[in-house]
Amino acid sequence: MTGFLKGIVGLRRGAWEMLATVIIALGVFMLMQPFVMWAYTYSFVTTLVGTVMFIIVSHFRD
């Protein structure tokens, strides 16, 4: 198992924060792209989920 997957399974902060950051970045990308309407529609929800997830996982142990 890789270090990232061990961090996810072991509820380590670093891996979960990285995943939350990727979700936030995905939401921002979905917001800025001009081609796919469903991606634009769900961009705010995706960014919000990533932000709430980041706030929660910032309380995990290192």
C-alpha atoms as a PDB file:
ATOM      1  CA  MET A   1       0.000   0.000   0.000  1.00  0.00           C
ATOM      2  CA  THR A   2       1.297   3.468  -0.807  1.00  0.00           C
ATOM      3  CA  GLY A   3       1.801   6.214   1.748  1.00  0.00           C
ATOM      4  CA  PHE A   4      -1.223   8.144   0.487  1.00  0.00           C
ATOM      5  CA  LEU A   5      -3.564   5.166   0.828  1.00  0.00           C
ATOM      6  CA  LYS A   6      -2.177   4.373   4.290  1.00  0.00           C
ATOM      7  CA  GLY A   7      -2.922   7.966   5.271  1.00  0.00           C
ATOM      8  CA  ILE A   8      -6.492   7.745   3.978  1.00  0.00           C
ATOM      9  CA  VAL A   9      -7.202   4.465   5.743  1.00  0.00           C
ATOM     10  CA  GLY A  10      -5.425   5.568   8.924  1.00  0.00           C
ATOM     11  CA  LEU A  11      -7.294   8.906   9.042  1.00  0.00           C
ATOM     12  CA  ARG A  12      -4.103  10.941   8.837  1.00  0.00           C
ATOM     13  CA  ARG A  13      -4.431  14.673   8.263  1.00  0.00           C
ATOM     14  CA  GLY A  14      -1.982  15.072   5.381  1.00  0.00           C
ATOM     15  CA  ALA A  15      -3.627  12.642   2.984  1.00  0.00           C
ATOM     16  CA  TRP A  16      -7.172  13.825   3.728  1.00  0.00           C
ATOM     17  CA  GLU A  17      -6.180  17.494   3.403  1.00  0.00           C
ATOM     18  CA  MET A  18      -4.641  16.728   0.032  1.00  0.00           C
ATOM     19  CA  LEU A  19      -7.848  15.021  -1.090  1.00  0.00           C
ATOM     20  CA  ALA A  20      -9.956  17.963   0.152  1.00  0.00           C
ATOM     21  CA  THR A  21      -7.677  20.391  -1.685  1.00  0.00           C
ATOM     22  CA  VAL A  22      -8.070  18.417  -4.917  1.00  0.00           C
ATOM     23  CA  ILE A  23     -11.871  18.522  -4.516  1.00  0.00           C
ATOM     24  CA  ILE A  24     -11.750  22.305  -3.986  1.00  0.00           C
ATOM     25  CA  ALA A  25      -9.543  22.714  -7.067  1.00  0.00           C
ATOM     26  CA  LEU A  26     -11.911  20.526  -9.081  1.00  0.00           C
ATOM     27  CA  GLY A  27     -14.848  22.711  -8.009  1.00  0.00           C
ATOM     28  CA  VAL A  28     -13.020  25.889  -9.026  1.00  0.00           C
ATOM     29  CA  PHE A  29     -12.099  24.342 -12.374  1.00  0.00           C
ATOM     30  CA  MET A  30     -15.729  23.335 -12.902  1.00  0.00           C
ATOM     31  CA  LEU A  31     -16.755  26.923 -12.154  1.00  0.00           C
ATOM     32  CA  MET A  32     -14.370  28.451 -14.686  1.00  0.00           C
ATOM     33  CA  GLN A  33     -14.850  26.131 -17.647  1.00  0.00           C
ATOM     34  CA  PRO A  34     -17.228  27.445 -20.341  1.00  0.00           C
ATOM     35  CA  PHE A  35     -18.300  24.215 -22.075  1.00  0.00           C
ATOM     36  CA  VAL A  36     -20.199  21.798 -19.826  1.00  0.00           C
ATOM     37  CA  MET A  37     -23.312  23.164 -18.128  1.00  0.00           C
ATOM     38  CA  TRP A  38     -23.718  20.324 -15.585  1.00  0.00           C
ATOM     39  CA  ALA A  39     -20.148  20.933 -14.358  1.00  0.00           C
ATOM     40  CA  TYR A  40     -20.896  24.626 -13.874  1.00  0.00           C
ATOM     41  CA  THR A  41     -24.148  23.730 -12.116  1.00  0.00           C
ATOM     42  CA  TYR A  42     -22.449  21.522  -9.521  1.00  0.00           C
ATOM     43  CA  SER A  43     -19.280  23.601  -9.116  1.00  0.00           C
ATOM     44  CA  PHE A  44     -20.459  25.486  -6.022  1.00  0.00           C
ATOM     45  CA  VAL A  45     -21.576  22.297  -4.284  1.00  0.00           C
ATOM     46  CA  THR A  46     -18.256  20.612  -5.107  1.00  0.00           C
ATOM     47  CA  THR A  47     -16.250  23.555  -3.786  1.00  0.00           C
ATOM     48  CA  LEU A  48     -18.407  23.714  -0.660  1.00  0.00           C
ATOM     49  CA  VAL A  49     -17.994  19.983   0.033  1.00  0.00           C
ATOM     50  CA  GLY A  50     -14.224  20.290  -0.353  1.00  0.00           C
ATOM     51  CA  THR A  51     -14.110  23.296   1.977  1.00  0.00           C
ATOM     52  CA  VAL A  52     -16.206  21.642   4.682  1.00  0.00           C
ATOM     53  CA  MET A  53     -14.163  18.476   4.307  1.00  0.00           C
ATOM     54  CA  PHE A  54     -10.937  20.479   4.721  1.00  0.00           C
ATOM     55  CA  ILE A  55     -12.254  22.107   7.889  1.00  0.00           C
ATOM     56  CA  ILE A  56     -13.227  18.723   9.354  1.00  0.00           C
ATOM     57  CA  VAL A  57     -10.028  16.870   8.449  1.00  0.00           C
ATOM     58  CA  SER A  58      -7.839  19.685   9.770  1.00  0.00           C
ATOM     59  CA  HIS A  59      -8.781  18.319  13.199  1.00  0.00           C
ATOM     60  CA  PHE A  60      -7.395  14.835  12.440  1.00  0.00           C
ATOM     61  CA  ARG A  61      -4.117  13.748  14.011  1.00  0.00           C
ATOM     62  CA  ASP A  62      -0.866  14.196  12.117  1.00  0.00           C
END
